[in-house]
Protein backbone atom coordinates (compact mmCIF):
# COMPACT_ATOMS: atom_id res chain seq x y z
CA MET A 1 104.57 57.26 81.97
CA ALA A 2 103.19 59.20 79.02
CA VAL A 3 101.97 62.81 79.46
CA GLY A 4 98.35 61.62 78.98
CA ASP A 5 98.80 59.22 81.86
CA ILE A 6 99.72 62.00 84.31
CA TRP A 7 96.11 63.41 83.83
CA GLU A 8 94.54 60.08 84.27
CA ALA A 9 96.40 59.13 87.42
CA PRO A 10 94.54 61.26 90.19
CA LEU A 11 91.15 59.94 91.17
CA PRO A 12 88.16 61.85 89.71
CA GLU A 13 86.97 62.61 93.24
CA VAL A 14 90.21 64.20 94.14
CA LEU A 15 90.19 66.41 91.03
CA PHE A 16 86.45 67.23 91.72
CA ALA A 17 87.48 68.32 95.20
CA VAL A 18 90.23 70.48 94.09
CA SER A 19 88.02 72.04 91.31
CA THR A 20 85.33 72.73 93.98
CA ILE A 21 87.87 74.59 96.14
CA ASN A 22 88.99 76.52 93.02
CA LEU A 23 85.58 77.46 92.21
CA ALA A 24 84.88 78.66 95.81
CA LEU A 25 88.04 80.74 95.94
CA PHE A 26 87.58 82.33 92.57
CA ALA A 27 83.85 83.05 93.42
CA ALA A 28 84.98 84.74 96.68
CA LEU A 29 87.57 86.79 94.65
CA ALA A 30 84.88 87.86 92.18
CA TRP A 31 82.52 88.88 94.99
CA THR A 32 85.25 90.88 96.73
CA ALA A 33 86.19 92.50 93.49
CA VAL A 34 82.60 93.48 92.68
CA LYS A 35 82.09 94.86 96.26
CA ARG A 36 85.28 96.98 95.85
CA ALA A 37 84.30 98.01 92.32
CA ARG A 38 80.94 99.33 93.58
CA SER A 39 82.12 100.99 96.69
CA ASP A 40 85.61 102.44 96.14
CA ALA A 41 85.83 106.24 95.91
CA SER A 42 88.52 106.22 93.13
CA PRO A 43 87.06 105.64 89.62
CA ARG A 44 90.38 104.10 88.59
CA LEU A 45 90.33 101.61 91.40
CA ARG A 46 86.62 100.89 90.57
CA SER A 47 87.84 100.05 87.02
CA LEU A 48 90.47 97.68 88.39
CA GLY A 49 87.87 96.13 90.64
CA TRP A 50 85.65 95.35 87.62
CA VAL A 51 88.64 93.86 85.66
CA ALA A 52 89.47 91.64 88.55
CA ALA A 53 85.84 90.53 88.90
CA ALA A 54 85.62 89.69 85.18
CA ALA A 55 88.88 87.70 85.31
CA ALA A 56 87.78 85.91 88.44
CA GLY A 57 84.44 85.13 86.64
CA ALA A 58 86.21 83.48 83.80
CA PHE A 59 88.15 81.43 86.35
CA VAL A 60 84.78 80.34 88.01
CA LEU A 61 83.54 79.14 84.57
CA GLY A 62 86.67 77.09 84.06
CA ALA A 63 86.55 75.76 87.57
CA GLY A 64 82.88 74.76 86.94
CA GLN A 65 83.68 73.00 83.73
CA ARG A 66 86.55 71.02 85.34
CA MET A 67 84.08 69.99 88.19
CA ALA A 68 81.50 68.85 85.71
CA LEU A 69 84.15 66.81 83.74
CA GLN A 70 85.38 65.10 86.81
CA ALA A 71 81.89 64.32 88.04
CA THR A 72 81.28 62.70 84.60
CA ARG A 73 84.47 60.70 85.03
CA ALA A 74 83.37 59.64 88.43
CA GLY A 75 80.00 58.47 87.09
CA TRP A 76 77.90 61.15 88.81
CA LEU A 77 76.75 62.72 85.60
CA SER A 78 75.83 61.52 82.19
CA THR A 79 78.46 61.41 79.39
CA ARG A 80 76.16 63.82 77.51
CA VAL A 81 77.43 66.57 79.93
CA THR A 82 81.01 65.88 78.77
CA ASP A 83 80.02 65.94 75.15
CA PHE A 84 78.30 69.32 75.68
CA LEU A 85 81.20 70.68 77.72
CA LEU A 86 83.74 69.70 75.02
CA SER A 87 81.67 71.15 72.15
CA ASP A 88 79.62 74.19 72.25
CA TRP A 89 80.32 75.22 75.87
CA GLN A 90 84.10 75.07 75.25
CA LEU A 91 83.71 77.42 72.29
CA ALA A 92 81.56 79.74 74.26
CA GLN A 93 83.87 79.74 77.24
CA SER A 94 86.85 80.43 75.05
CA LEU A 95 85.27 83.34 73.28
CA THR A 96 84.23 84.84 76.68
CA ALA A 97 87.68 84.41 78.16
CA MET A 98 89.18 86.06 75.07
CA ALA A 99 86.76 89.01 75.24
CA LEU A 100 87.40 89.45 79.11
CA GLY A 101 91.24 89.31 78.41
CA VAL A 102 90.88 92.02 75.70
CA LEU A 103 88.72 94.17 78.06
CA ALA A 104 91.08 93.66 80.91
CA LEU A 105 94.06 94.74 78.96
CA ALA A 106 92.35 97.85 77.75
CA ALA A 107 91.27 98.72 81.33
CA LEU A 108 94.66 98.15 82.70
CA ALA A 109 96.33 100.33 79.95
CA LYS A 110 93.90 103.11 80.73
CA VAL A 111 94.44 102.99 84.48
CA TRP A 112 98.06 101.93 84.99
CA GLY A 113 99.67 105.22 83.88
CA PRO A 114 97.51 107.46 86.11
CA LEU A 115 97.97 105.07 89.21
CA GLY A 116 101.78 105.16 88.65
CA ARG A 117 101.75 108.94 88.49
CA ALA A 118 99.65 109.19 91.64
CA ASP A 119 102.07 106.84 93.50
CA ARG A 120 105.08 108.89 92.46
CA MET A 121 103.23 112.02 93.65
CA VAL A 122 102.47 110.49 97.01
CA SER A 123 106.16 109.50 97.41
CA VAL A 124 107.19 112.99 96.76
CA LEU A 125 104.78 114.52 99.07
CA THR A 126 105.53 112.04 101.72
CA ASP A 127 109.25 112.84 101.53
CA ARG A 128 108.35 116.52 102.13
CA ILE A 129 106.83 115.55 105.56
CA PRO A 130 109.21 113.22 107.17
CA PRO A 131 107.23 111.17 109.82
CA ASP A 132 110.13 111.22 112.30
CA GLN A 133 109.89 115.04 112.34
CA VAL A 134 106.14 114.87 113.34
CA PRO A 135 105.55 114.42 117.07
CA LEU A 136 103.29 111.43 117.53
CA ASP A 137 104.35 110.41 121.03
CA ASP A 138 101.78 112.78 122.75
CA LEU A 139 98.76 111.09 120.92
CA THR A 140 96.38 109.07 123.14
CA ASP A 141 95.46 105.45 122.23
CA ARG A 142 92.23 106.67 120.63
CA GLU A 143 93.95 109.39 118.65
CA ARG A 144 96.39 106.73 117.27
CA GLU A 145 93.44 104.71 116.21
CA VAL A 146 91.97 107.79 114.37
CA MET A 147 95.48 108.33 112.90
CA GLU A 148 95.61 104.70 111.57
CA ALA A 149 92.13 105.05 110.11
CA ILE A 150 93.19 108.33 108.40
CA GLY A 151 96.40 106.53 107.11
CA SER A 152 94.11 103.86 105.45
CA GLY A 153 92.35 106.62 103.50
CA LEU A 154 89.36 107.47 105.59
CA LEU A 155 89.25 111.31 105.66
CA SER A 156 85.75 112.40 106.32
CA ASP A 157 84.15 112.60 109.84
CA ARG A 158 81.49 110.20 108.66
CA GLU A 159 83.93 107.60 107.47
CA LEU A 160 86.12 107.78 110.62
CA ALA A 161 82.90 107.54 112.81
CA GLU A 162 81.62 104.47 110.95
CA ALA A 163 85.04 102.72 111.18
CA LEU A 164 85.64 103.42 114.91
CA PHE A 165 82.03 103.34 116.11
CA ILE A 166 82.03 106.87 117.39
CA ALA A 167 79.93 109.91 116.64
CA PRO A 168 81.07 112.14 113.65
CA SER A 169 81.44 115.04 116.05
CA THR A 170 83.74 112.99 118.27
CA ALA A 171 85.83 112.02 115.13
CA ARG A 172 86.08 115.81 114.21
CA THR A 173 87.31 116.57 117.80
CA HIS A 174 89.93 113.87 117.64
CA VAL A 175 91.23 115.10 114.32
CA LYS A 176 91.36 118.65 115.67
CA HIS A 177 93.41 117.55 118.65
CA ILE A 178 95.75 115.42 116.44
CA LEU A 179 96.28 118.39 114.12
CA HIS A 180 97.16 120.62 117.13
CA LYS A 181 99.52 118.10 118.65
CA THR A 182 101.32 117.22 115.40
CA GLY A 183 101.51 120.71 114.01
CA LEU A 184 100.04 119.53 110.70
CA SER A 185 97.70 121.67 108.86
CA ASN A 186 95.10 119.25 107.27
CA ARG A 187 93.88 115.69 107.03
CA ARG A 188 95.73 114.97 103.88
CA GLU A 189 99.03 115.70 105.58
CA LEU A 190 97.84 113.47 108.45
CA MET A 191 97.13 110.70 105.95
CA LEU A 192 100.55 111.06 104.30
CA VAL A 193 102.35 110.87 107.74
CA ALA A 194 100.31 108.04 108.94
CA ALA A 195 100.90 106.09 105.75
CA GLN A 196 104.62 106.72 105.84
CA SER A 197 104.80 105.89 109.64
CA GLU A 198 103.42 102.46 108.95
CA ARG A 199 106.33 101.87 106.31
CA VAL A 200 109.12 102.98 108.69
């Protein structure tokens, strides 16, 4: 069987279905990346979100093109669609993908170094507060939930309240009790201990 025959073997309907699933997955990835890019507190993570959204957008275009080509092979679309996709559209898509690739590389180069340094700093700080030396056994179930939320990066009373469906004043009280029981001095130390406890 020649290499060209491998591409002809599957039915157009099967390839169309696979391309449709690809398009849906990449569209979901793009949507998620855009949401994160618009809402994340860290400017570096927002930049990475936009990079991921742009890359996923390029994959959506490719999946859409494959869907249209398979729909033409199946006889659902005119052959003029294939002629268009294999000419001007192919050039436009290639140029777009190239531009997105250059932008993605530039953004990653700008963000990668600071994120690596931040990760190393967190590791050093976490080692200074060993979680096994912080008493967590006395925490109530609700305080453990608050601690987990803090470990995921939610530090303000408002963020904790929204995540746990409680009032900000209640979140503040829980944090105060947790700090007292653990002997830690602030929410950042709580975050480090909570994050490290999840890894242990």
